[in-house]
C-alpha atoms as a PDB file:
ATOM      1  CA  UNK A   1      85.184 107.555  76.821  1.00  0.00           C
ATOM      2  CA  UNK A   2      87.802 106.353  79.287  1.00  0.00           C
ATOM      3  CA  UNK A   3      88.339 102.363  79.137  1.00  0.00           C
ATOM      4  CA  UNK A   4      86.124 100.004  80.950  1.00  0.00           C
ATOM      5  CA  UNK A   5      87.661  97.363  83.188  1.00  0.00           C
ATOM      6  CA  UNK A   6      86.850  94.159  83.658  1.00  0.00           C
ATOM      7  CA  UNK A   7      86.720  92.349  87.251  1.00  0.00           C
ATOM      8  CA  UNK A   8      88.785  89.252  87.106  1.00  0.00           C
ATOM      9  CA  UNK A   9      90.811  87.060  89.416  1.00  0.00           C
ATOM     10  CA  UNK A  10      94.540  86.318  88.732  1.00  0.00           C
ATOM     11  CA  UNK A  11      95.061  82.877  87.703  1.00  0.00           C
ATOM     12  CA  UNK A  12      98.603  82.719  86.330  1.00  0.00           C
ATOM     13  CA  UNK A  13      97.822  79.820  83.520  1.00  0.00           C
ATOM     14  CA  UNK A  14      95.265  81.972  81.791  1.00  0.00           C
ATOM     15  CA  UNK A  15      97.564  84.912  81.332  1.00  0.00           C
ATOM     16  CA  UNK A  16      99.645  83.052  78.703  1.00  0.00           C
ATOM     17  CA  UNK A  17      97.611  84.214  75.776  1.00  0.00           C
ATOM     18  CA  UNK A  18      95.705  87.556  76.810  1.00  0.00           C
ATOM     19  CA  UNK A  19      96.603  88.761  80.451  1.00  0.00           C
ATOM     20  CA  UNK A  20      93.377  91.096  80.181  1.00  0.00           C
ATOM     21  CA  UNK A  21      90.932  89.153  78.740  1.00  0.00           C
ATOM     22  CA  UNK A  22      91.189  85.540  80.142  1.00  0.00           C
ATOM     23  CA  UNK A  23      92.228  85.789  83.819  1.00  0.00           C
ATOM     24  CA  UNK A  24      88.874  83.853  85.469  1.00  0.00           C
ATOM     25  CA  UNK A  25      87.332  84.398  89.023  1.00  0.00           C
ATOM     26  CA  UNK A  26      88.505  81.081  90.394  1.00  0.00           C
ATOM     27  CA  UNK A  27      89.445  81.398  93.922  1.00  0.00           C
ATOM     28  CA  UNK A  28      89.522  78.555  96.396  1.00  0.00           C
ATOM     29  CA  UNK A  29      90.994  78.739  99.936  1.00  0.00           C
ATOM     30  CA  UNK A  30      91.138  74.834  99.962  1.00  0.00           C
ATOM     31  CA  UNK A  31      94.026  74.729  97.455  1.00  0.00           C
ATOM     32  CA  UNK A  32      97.408  74.846  98.386  1.00  0.00           C
ATOM     33  CA  UNK A  33      97.754  78.506  97.275  1.00  0.00           C
ATOM     34  CA  UNK A  34      95.118  80.180  98.980  1.00  0.00           C
ATOM     35  CA  UNK A  35      93.758  83.377  97.632  1.00  0.00           C
ATOM     36  CA  UNK A  36      92.407  86.080  99.972  1.00  0.00           C
ATOM     37  CA  UNK A  37      90.089  88.664  98.300  1.00  0.00           C
ATOM     38  CA  UNK A  38      90.060  92.076  99.248  1.00  0.00           C
ATOM     39  CA  UNK A  39      87.568  95.022  98.007  1.00  0.00           C
ATOM     40  CA  UNK A  40      90.490  96.471  95.568  1.00  0.00           C
ATOM     41  CA  UNK A  41      93.237  93.667  95.295  1.00  0.00           C
ATOM     42  CA  UNK A  42      93.647  90.051  95.123  1.00  0.00           C
ATOM     43  CA  UNK A  43      96.156  88.493  97.486  1.00  0.00           C
ATOM     44  CA  UNK A  44      97.379  84.884  97.000  1.00  0.00           C
ATOM     45  CA  UNK A  45      99.560  83.034  99.450  1.00  0.00           C
ATOM     46  CA  UNK A  46     101.917  80.739  97.247  1.00  0.00           C
ATOM     47  CA  UNK A  47     104.472  78.200  98.266  1.00  0.00           C
ATOM     48  CA  UNK A  48     107.267  80.408  99.825  1.00  0.00           C
ATOM     49  CA  UNK A  49     106.053  83.795  98.388  1.00  0.00           C
ATOM     50  CA  UNK A  50     102.601  86.228  98.471  1.00  0.00           C
ATOM     51  CA  UNK A  51     101.322  87.376  95.231  1.00  0.00           C
ATOM     52  CA  UNK A  52      99.615  90.958  95.229  1.00  0.00           C
ATOM     53  CA  UNK A  53      97.513  91.712  92.423  1.00  0.00           C
ATOM     54  CA  UNK A  54      95.851  95.216  91.874  1.00  0.00           C
ATOM     55  CA  UNK A  55      92.156  95.019  90.538  1.00  0.00           C
ATOM     56  CA  UNK A  56      90.482  97.967  91.805  1.00  0.00           C
ATOM     57  CA  UNK A  57      86.868  99.546  91.288  1.00  0.00           C
ATOM     58  CA  UNK A  58      88.382 102.974  90.567  1.00  0.00           C
ATOM     59  CA  UNK A  59      87.067 105.283  87.588  1.00  0.00           C
ATOM     60  CA  UNK A  60      90.797 104.971  86.372  1.00  0.00           C
ATOM     61  CA  UNK A  61      92.064 101.297  85.745  1.00  0.00           C
ATOM     62  CA  UNK A  62      94.361 100.423  88.864  1.00  0.00           C
ATOM     63  CA  UNK A  63      94.328 103.828  90.519  1.00  0.00           C
ATOM     64  CA  UNK A  64      95.510 104.486  94.087  1.00  0.00           C
ATOM     65  CA  UNK A  65      92.932 106.055  96.862  1.00  0.00           C
ATOM     66  CA  UNK A  66      92.972 105.491 100.385  1.00  0.00           C
ATOM     67  CA  UNK A  67      90.825 102.380 100.204  1.00  0.00           C
ATOM     68  CA  UNK A  68      92.957 100.897  97.592  1.00  0.00           C
ATOM     69  CA  UNK A  69      96.271 101.758  99.679  1.00  0.00           C
ATOM     70  CA  UNK A  70      94.986 100.465 103.020  1.00  0.00           C
ATOM     71  CA  UNK A  71      94.617  97.044 101.337  1.00  0.00           C
ATOM     72  CA  UNK A  72      98.084  96.966 100.206  1.00  0.00           C
ATOM     73  CA  UNK A  73      99.739  98.078 103.397  1.00  0.00           C
ATOM     74  CA  UNK A  74      97.400  95.633 104.729  1.00  0.00           C
ATOM     75  CA  UNK A  75      98.649  92.880 102.681  1.00  0.00           C
ATOM     76  CA  UNK A  76     102.334  93.513 102.978  1.00  0.00           C
ATOM     77  CA  UNK A  77     102.304  93.932 106.966  1.00  0.00           C
ATOM     78  CA  UNK A  78     100.779  90.525 106.811  1.00  0.00           C
ATOM     79  CA  UNK A  79     103.437  89.148 104.292  1.00  0.00           C
ATOM     80  CA  UNK A  80     106.136  90.686 106.459  1.00  0.00           C
ATOM     81  CA  UNK A  81     105.238  88.154 109.203  1.00  0.00           C
ATOM     82  CA  UNK A  82     104.499  85.142 107.734  1.00  0.00           C
ATOM     83  CA  UNK A  83     106.611  82.358 105.921  1.00  0.00           C
ATOM     84  CA  UNK A  84     106.703  84.237 102.640  1.00  0.00           C
ATOM     85  CA  UNK A  85     110.111  85.027 101.652  1.00  0.00           C
ATOM     86  CA  UNK A  86     109.195  87.802  99.032  1.00  0.00           C
ATOM     87  CA  UNK A  87     106.219  89.389  97.645  1.00  0.00           C
ATOM     88  CA  UNK A  88     104.983  89.521  93.897  1.00  0.00           C
ATOM     89  CA  UNK A  89     103.102  92.620  93.081  1.00  0.00           C
ATOM     90  CA  UNK A  90     101.349  92.545  89.630  1.00  0.00           C
ATOM     91  CA  UNK A  91      97.977  93.872  88.409  1.00  0.00           C
ATOM     92  CA  UNK A  92      95.243  92.580  86.207  1.00  0.00           C
ATOM     93  CA  UNK A  93      94.578  94.443  82.898  1.00  0.00           C
ATOM     94  CA  UNK A  94      96.405  96.344  80.702  1.00  0.00           C
ATOM     95  CA  UNK A  95      97.331  98.952  83.326  1.00  0.00           C
ATOM     96  CA  UNK A  96      99.627  98.117  86.030  1.00  0.00           C
ATOM     97  CA  UNK A  97      98.784 101.021  87.870  1.00  0.00           C
ATOM     98  CA  UNK A  98      97.640 104.593  86.822  1.00  0.00           C
ATOM     99  CA  UNK A  99      98.925 106.406  89.786  1.00  0.00           C
ATOM    100  CA  UNK A 100      97.029 108.604  92.424  1.00  0.00           C
ATOM    101  CA  UNK A 101      93.129 108.261  92.017  1.00  0.00           C
ATOM    102  CA  UNK A 102      93.032 111.538  90.726  1.00  0.00           C
ATOM    103  CA  UNK A 103      89.056 111.625  90.696  1.00  0.00           C
ATOM    104  CA  UNK A 104      89.468 110.879  94.529  1.00  0.00           C
ATOM    105  CA  UNK A 105      91.059 114.415  94.859  1.00  0.00           C
ATOM    106  CA  UNK A 106      88.621 116.447  92.879  1.00  0.00           C
ATOM    107  CA  UNK A 107      85.489 115.248  94.874  1.00  0.00           C
ATOM    108  CA  UNK A 108      84.040 117.069  97.853  1.00  0.00           C
ATOM    109  CA  UNK A 109      86.611 119.405  99.486  1.00  0.00           C
ATOM    110  CA  UNK A 110      89.959 119.565  98.015  1.00  0.00           C
ATOM    111  CA  UNK A 111      91.594 120.069 101.370  1.00  0.00           C
ATOM    112  CA  UNK A 112      90.107 117.201 103.302  1.00  0.00           C
ATOM    113  CA  UNK A 113      90.719 114.838 100.046  1.00  0.00           C
ATOM    114  CA  UNK A 114      94.098 116.231  99.990  1.00  0.00           C
ATOM    115  CA  UNK A 115      94.921 115.430 103.571  1.00  0.00           C
ATOM    116  CA  UNK A 116      93.575 111.781 103.235  1.00  0.00           C
ATOM    117  CA  UNK A 117      95.450 110.973 100.266  1.00  0.00           C
ATOM    118  CA  UNK A 118      98.582 112.502 101.544  1.00  0.00           C
ATOM    119  CA  UNK A 119      98.342 110.617 104.980  1.00  0.00           C
ATOM    120  CA  UNK A 120      97.750 107.292 102.879  1.00  0.00           C
ATOM    121  CA  UNK A 121     100.629 107.746 100.721  1.00  0.00           C
ATOM    122  CA  UNK A 122     102.916 108.883 103.382  1.00  0.00           C
ATOM    123  CA  UNK A 123     101.988 105.259 104.897  1.00  0.00           C
ATOM    124  CA  UNK A 124     102.219 103.162 101.745  1.00  0.00           C
ATOM    125  CA  UNK A 125     105.469 104.561 100.699  1.00  0.00           C
ATOM    126  CA  UNK A 126     107.171 104.095 104.092  1.00  0.00           C
ATOM    127  CA  UNK A 127     105.682 100.525 104.195  1.00  0.00           C
ATOM    128  CA  UNK A 128     107.585  99.809 101.019  1.00  0.00           C
ATOM    129  CA  UNK A 129     110.887 101.455 102.433  1.00  0.00           C
ATOM    130  CA  UNK A 130     110.796  99.538 105.487  1.00  0.00           C
ATOM    131  CA  UNK A 131     109.395  96.290 104.012  1.00  0.00           C
ATOM    132  CA  UNK A 132     112.235  93.654 104.726  1.00  0.00           C
ATOM    133  CA  UNK A 133     111.568  91.064 102.341  1.00  0.00           C
ATOM    134  CA  UNK A 134     112.447  91.369  98.463  1.00  0.00           C
ATOM    135  CA  UNK A 135     109.301  92.777  96.571  1.00  0.00           C
ATOM    136  CA  UNK A 136     109.495  91.974  92.611  1.00  0.00           C
ATOM    137  CA  UNK A 137     107.157  94.178  90.733  1.00  0.00           C
ATOM    138  CA  UNK A 138     105.686  92.438  87.558  1.00  0.00           C
ATOM    139  CA  UNK A 139     104.750  95.415  85.083  1.00  0.00           C
ATOM    140  CA  UNK A 140     102.151  94.143  82.498  1.00  0.00           C
ATOM    141  CA  UNK A 141     101.058  97.399  81.068  1.00  0.00           C
ATOM    142  CA  UNK A 142     101.324 101.203  81.693  1.00  0.00           C
ATOM    143  CA  UNK A 143     102.848 102.526  84.938  1.00  0.00           C
ATOM    144  CA  UNK A 144     101.785 105.919  85.404  1.00  0.00           C
ATOM    145  CA  UNK A 145     102.641 108.323  88.184  1.00  0.00           C
ATOM    146  CA  UNK A 146     102.964 106.652  91.484  1.00  0.00           C
ATOM    147  CA  UNK A 147     102.553 103.708  89.426  1.00  0.00           C
ATOM    148  CA  UNK A 148     106.386 104.114  87.987  1.00  0.00           C
ATOM    149  CA  UNK A 149     107.297 106.046  91.090  1.00  0.00           C
ATOM    150  CA  UNK A 150     107.415 103.140  93.478  1.00  0.00           C
ATOM    151  CA  UNK A 151     109.252 100.660  91.160  1.00  0.00           C
ATOM    152  CA  UNK A 152     112.767 101.736  92.425  1.00  0.00           C
ATOM    153  CA  UNK A 153     111.465 100.984  95.823  1.00  0.00           C
ATOM    154  CA  UNK A 154     110.963  97.325  94.662  1.00  0.00           C
ATOM    155  CA  UNK A 155     113.859  95.443  94.483  1.00  0.00           C
ATOM    156  CA  UNK A 156     113.389  93.562  91.070  1.00  0.00           C
ATOM    157  CA  UNK A 157     111.079  94.999  88.190  1.00  0.00           C
ATOM    158  CA  UNK A 158     110.250  92.713  85.492  1.00  0.00           C
ATOM    159  CA  UNK A 159     108.196  94.125  82.402  1.00  0.00           C
ATOM    160  CA  UNK A 160     106.081  93.374  79.475  1.00  0.00           C
ATOM    161  CA  UNK A 161     107.422  94.671  76.109  1.00  0.00           C
ATOM    162  CA  UNK A 162     103.993  96.626  75.899  1.00  0.00           C
ATOM    163  CA  UNK A 163     104.557  98.321  79.233  1.00  0.00           C
ATOM    164  CA  UNK A 164     104.951 102.012  79.492  1.00  0.00           C
ATOM    165  CA  UNK A 165     106.389 104.301  82.086  1.00  0.00           C
ATOM    166  CA  UNK A 166     105.036 107.886  82.419  1.00  0.00           C
ATOM    167  CA  UNK A 167     105.241 110.560  84.999  1.00  0.00           C
ATOM    168  CA  UNK A 168     102.689 113.124  84.557  1.00  0.00           C
ATOM    169  CA  UNK A 169     103.467 115.372  87.337  1.00  0.00           C
ATOM    170  CA  UNK A 170     104.099 118.791  85.476  1.00  0.00           C
ATOM    171  CA  UNK A 171     100.729 118.211  83.461  1.00  0.00           C
ATOM    172  CA  UNK A 172      98.965 117.721  86.720  1.00  0.00           C
ATOM    173  CA  UNK A 173     100.619 120.792  88.302  1.00  0.00           C
ATOM    174  CA  UNK A 174     101.823 118.879  91.262  1.00  0.00           C
ATOM    175  CA  UNK A 175     105.279 117.884  92.688  1.00  0.00           C
ATOM    176  CA  UNK A 176     106.827 114.243  92.751  1.00  0.00           C
ATOM    177  CA  UNK A 177     105.831 111.546  94.866  1.00  0.00           C
ATOM    178  CA  UNK A 178     106.707 108.101  95.970  1.00  0.00           C
ATOM    179  CA  UNK A 179     110.438 109.397  96.435  1.00  0.00           C
ATOM    180  CA  UNK A 180     110.536 109.675  92.794  1.00  0.00           C
ATOM    181  CA  UNK A 181     112.654 113.078  93.340  1.00  0.00           C
ATOM    182  CA  UNK A 182     115.484 111.099  95.065  1.00  0.00           C
ATOM    183  CA  UNK A 183     115.294 107.297  93.347  1.00  0.00           C
ATOM    184  CA  UNK A 184     114.999 108.662  89.505  1.00  0.00           C
ATOM    185  CA  UNK A 185     117.895 110.862  89.037  1.00  0.00           C
ATOM    186  CA  UNK A 186     119.890 108.160  91.334  1.00  0.00           C
ATOM    187  CA  UNK A 187     118.762 105.105  89.263  1.00  0.00           C
ATOM    188  CA  UNK A 188     118.536 107.042  85.911  1.00  0.00           C
ATOM    189  CA  UNK A 189     120.829 109.529  86.259  1.00  0.00           C
ATOM    190  CA  UNK A 190     120.246 113.028  86.604  1.00  0.00           C
ATOM    191  CA  UNK A 191     119.814 114.357  83.135  1.00  0.00           C
ATOM    192  CA  UNK A 192     117.267 111.608  82.134  1.00  0.00           C
ATOM    193  CA  UNK A 193     115.563 111.573  85.761  1.00  0.00           C
ATOM    194  CA  UNK A 194     115.119 115.386  85.624  1.00  0.00           C
ATOM    195  CA  UNK A 195     113.492 115.165  82.127  1.00  0.00           C
ATOM    196  CA  UNK A 196     111.305 112.553  83.182  1.00  0.00           C
ATOM    197  CA  UNK A 197     110.514 114.810  86.628  1.00  0.00           C
ATOM    198  CA  UNK A 198     110.042 118.051  84.625  1.00  0.00           C
ATOM    199  CA  UNK A 199     108.927 117.027  81.009  1.00  0.00           C
ATOM    200  CA  UNK A 200     106.962 114.044  81.592  1.00  0.00           C
ATOM    201  CA  UNK A 201     109.190 111.987  79.155  1.00  0.00           C
ATOM    202  CA  UNK A 202     107.557 108.483  78.524  1.00  0.00           C
ATOM    203  CA  UNK A 203     109.658 105.401  78.688  1.00  0.00           C
ATOM    204  CA  UNK A 204     108.957 102.332  76.374  1.00  0.00           C
ATOM    205  CA  UNK A 205     109.796  99.038  78.392  1.00  0.00           C
ATOM    206  CA  UNK A 206     113.148  98.542  76.309  1.00  0.00           C
ATOM    207  CA  UNK A 207     114.090 102.269  77.293  1.00  0.00           C
ATOM    208  CA  UNK A 208     113.192 101.688  80.846  1.00  0.00           C
ATOM    209  CA  UNK A 209     115.736  98.372  80.644  1.00  0.00           C
ATOM    210  CA  UNK A 210     118.165 100.054  79.005  1.00  0.00           C
ATOM    211  CA  UNK A 211     118.085 102.976  81.808  1.00  0.00           C
ATOM    212  CA  UNK A 212     118.051 100.210  84.625  1.00  0.00           C
ATOM    213  CA  UNK A 213     114.638 100.728  85.916  1.00  0.00           C
ATOM    214  CA  UNK A 214     113.600  97.643  84.598  1.00  0.00           C
ATOM    215  CA  UNK A 215     115.466  94.000  84.948  1.00  0.00           C
ATOM    216  CA  UNK A 216     114.209  92.319  82.246  1.00  0.00           C
ATOM    217  CA  UNK A 217     111.841  92.626  79.454  1.00  0.00           C
ATOM    218  CA  UNK A 218     109.335  89.681  78.339  1.00  0.00           C
ATOM    219  CA  UNK A 219     107.019  89.336  75.338  1.00  0.00           C
ATOM    220  CA  UNK A 220     103.311  89.823  76.716  1.00  0.00           C
ATOM    221  CA  UNK A 221     101.834  86.203  75.646  1.00  0.00           C
ATOM    222  CA  UNK A 222     104.428  84.316  77.517  1.00  0.00           C
ATOM    223  CA  UNK A 223     105.641  86.888  80.156  1.00  0.00           C
ATOM    224  CA  UNK A 224     104.003  84.842  83.039  1.00  0.00           C
ATOM    225  CA  UNK A 225     105.462  81.721  81.741  1.00  0.00           C
ATOM    226  CA  UNK A 226     108.749  83.225  82.382  1.00  0.00           C
ATOM    227  CA  UNK A 227     108.231  85.191  85.134  1.00  0.00           C
ATOM    228  CA  UNK A 228     106.663  82.737  87.770  1.00  0.00           C
ATOM    229  CA  UNK A 229     109.405  80.377  87.591  1.00  0.00           C
ATOM    230  CA  UNK A 230     112.137  82.900  88.557  1.00  0.00           C
ATOM    231  CA  UNK A 231     109.979  84.257  91.581  1.00  0.00           C
ATOM    232  CA  UNK A 232     109.194  80.372  92.568  1.00  0.00           C
ATOM    233  CA  UNK A 233     112.960  79.677  92.069  1.00  0.00           C
ATOM    234  CA  UNK A 234     114.026  82.663  94.052  1.00  0.00           C
ATOM    235  CA  UNK A 235     111.136  81.887  97.004  1.00  0.00           C
ATOM    236  CA  UNK A 236     113.281  78.323  97.625  1.00  0.00           C
ATOM    237  CA  UNK A 237     116.307  80.362  98.565  1.00  0.00           C
ATOM    238  CA  UNK A 238     116.781  81.377 102.403  1.00  0.00           C
ATOM    239  CA  UNK A 239     114.420  83.855 103.435  1.00  0.00           C
ATOM    240  CA  UNK A 240     117.053  85.065 106.214  1.00  0.00           C
ATOM    241  CA  UNK A 241     119.598  85.175 103.599  1.00  0.00           C
ATOM    242  CA  UNK A 242     117.474  87.198 101.173  1.00  0.00           C
ATOM    243  CA  UNK A 243     116.447  89.930 103.828  1.00  0.00           C
ATOM    244  CA  UNK A 244     119.917  90.456 104.784  1.00  0.00           C
ATOM    245  CA  UNK A 245     121.102  90.900 101.371  1.00  0.00           C
ATOM    246  CA  UNK A 246     118.331  93.583 101.012  1.00  0.00           C
ATOM    247  CA  UNK A 247     119.325  95.178 104.063  1.00  0.00           C
ATOM    248  CA  UNK A 248     122.703  95.457 102.979  1.00  0.00           C
ATOM    249  CA  UNK A 249     121.365  96.968  99.778  1.00  0.00           C
ATOM    250  CA  UNK A 250     118.858  99.318 100.897  1.00  0.00           C
ATOM    251  CA  UNK A 251     120.245 100.297 104.193  1.00  0.00           C
ATOM    252  CA  UNK A 252     122.224 103.254 103.114  1.00  0.00           C
ATOM    253  CA  UNK A 253     119.379 105.108 101.511  1.00  0.00           C
ATOM    254  CA  UNK A 254     116.867 104.484 104.105  1.00  0.00           C
ATOM    255  CA  UNK A 255     117.097 107.424 106.068  1.00  0.00           C
ATOM    256  CA  UNK A 256     117.372 109.615 102.927  1.00  0.00           C
ATOM    257  CA  UNK A 257     114.024 107.932 101.431  1.00  0.00           C
ATOM    258  CA  UNK A 258     112.051 108.400 104.678  1.00  0.00           C
ATOM    259  CA  UNK A 259     112.942 112.072 104.889  1.00  0.00           C
ATOM    260  CA  UNK A 260     112.016 112.414 101.076  1.00  0.00           C
ATOM    261  CA  UNK A 261     108.895 110.781 101.636  1.00  0.00           C
ATOM    262  CA  UNK A 262     107.771 112.998 104.309  1.00  0.00           C
ATOM    263  CA  UNK A 263     108.949 116.187 102.399  1.00  0.00           C
ATOM    264  CA  UNK A 264     107.218 115.336  99.332  1.00  0.00           C
ATOM    265  CA  UNK A 265     103.928 114.329 101.152  1.00  0.00           C
ATOM    266  CA  UNK A 266     103.909 117.973 102.968  1.00  0.00           C
ATOM    267  CA  UNK A 267     104.519 119.473  99.322  1.00  0.00           C
ATOM    268  CA  UNK A 268     101.616 117.705  97.913  1.00  0.00           C
ATOM    269  CA  UNK A 269      99.243 118.470 100.770  1.00  0.00           C
ATOM    270  CA  UNK A 270      99.874 122.302  99.395  1.00  0.00           C
ATOM    271  CA  UNK A 271      99.715 121.221  96.029  1.00  0.00           C
ATOM    272  CA  UNK A 272      96.858 119.011  95.329  1.00  0.00           C
ATOM    273  CA  UNK A 273      94.247 121.499  96.830  1.00  0.00           C
ATOM    274  CA  UNK A 274      95.480 124.670  94.840  1.00  0.00           C
ATOM    275  CA  UNK A 275      93.200 126.221  92.042  1.00  0.00           C
ATOM    276  CA  UNK A 276      95.975 125.551  89.335  1.00  0.00           C
ATOM    277  CA  UNK A 277      96.459 121.516  90.306  1.00  0.00           C
ATOM    278  CA  UNK A 278      92.849 121.232  90.828  1.00  0.00           C
ATOM    279  CA  UNK A 279      92.542 122.807  87.293  1.00  0.00           C
ATOM    280  CA  UNK A 280      95.136 120.817  85.820  1.00  0.00           C
ATOM    281  CA  UNK A 281      93.587 117.662  87.128  1.00  0.00           C
ATOM    282  CA  UNK A 282      90.276 118.327  85.741  1.00  0.00           C
ATOM    283  CA  UNK A 283      91.731 119.122  82.360  1.00  0.00           C
ATOM    284  CA  UNK A 284      94.088 115.819  82.325  1.00  0.00           C
ATOM    285  CA  UNK A 285      90.793 113.556  83.228  1.00  0.00           C
ATOM    286  CA  UNK A 286      88.943 115.018  80.447  1.00  0.00           C
ATOM    287  CA  UNK A 287      91.792 114.318  77.777  1.00  0.00           C
ATOM    288  CA  UNK A 288      91.072 110.790  76.463  1.00  0.00           C
ATOM    289  CA  UNK A 289      94.435 110.372  75.204  1.00  0.00           C
ATOM    290  CA  UNK A 290      95.867 110.086  78.584  1.00  0.00           C
ATOM    291  CA  UNK A 291      93.834 106.844  79.017  1.00  0.00           C
ATOM    292  CA  UNK A 292      94.873 105.100  75.670  1.00  0.00           C
ATOM    293  CA  UNK A 293      97.684 102.453  76.048  1.00  0.00           C
END
């Protein structure tokens, strides 16, 4: 059986002992930190920054289908123009993101599903590439597929000691996504990046930190107690200075990333509906060990 998901709301105080079980449903638009509930994510407007929490209804925990992706894009576009100085991206549960919603790709007409997913993916990745403010990813659990691939597009990544990083692309008979064919060899080095993309090598949080994918690793029970003050402190800095610094860091690769995103999505549009890819996806979904974290 695949793991069941519990729908909860991200109250930071309740994460100190067990992030998966003790985040309660407590949302009030009358408080200083306003929260807005979508169907698949929770958005909280805090002092100087925006929190985006994945909390999806998908069969796989925190998987990304066109509906989820649209909500994330909308939230980022809102944060782009409001008074937030940065965005914190995290999730509820023991899975940060299980990647593209594979069940979506196997329902109905595979070609139609592939087209919808590829179009949504293209928009999501482009939004990350062009987002002008710093994005801090807080990885509290497994980051699989696209969940791992988007991390180099974020500016800082904090991870729980229990986090796991995994790209099962070869097992799924698909090609890379999220600009990972460009970013991972660049961040991790050609040898390690290629091994992860070709062979699906899994990285622990410590390995990801040592290789440069993760900025810092925290003990799970105290992670939010340590991360939130860092985010709050960064949010106090000049928004203009933060944006300009990000522009200086990112501008050299922007054109390459946009081209990579377009190429990857076009190739996925061919791979996802293919017979061997569809078989591989179904086999992956049937293998319970892929969902034990």
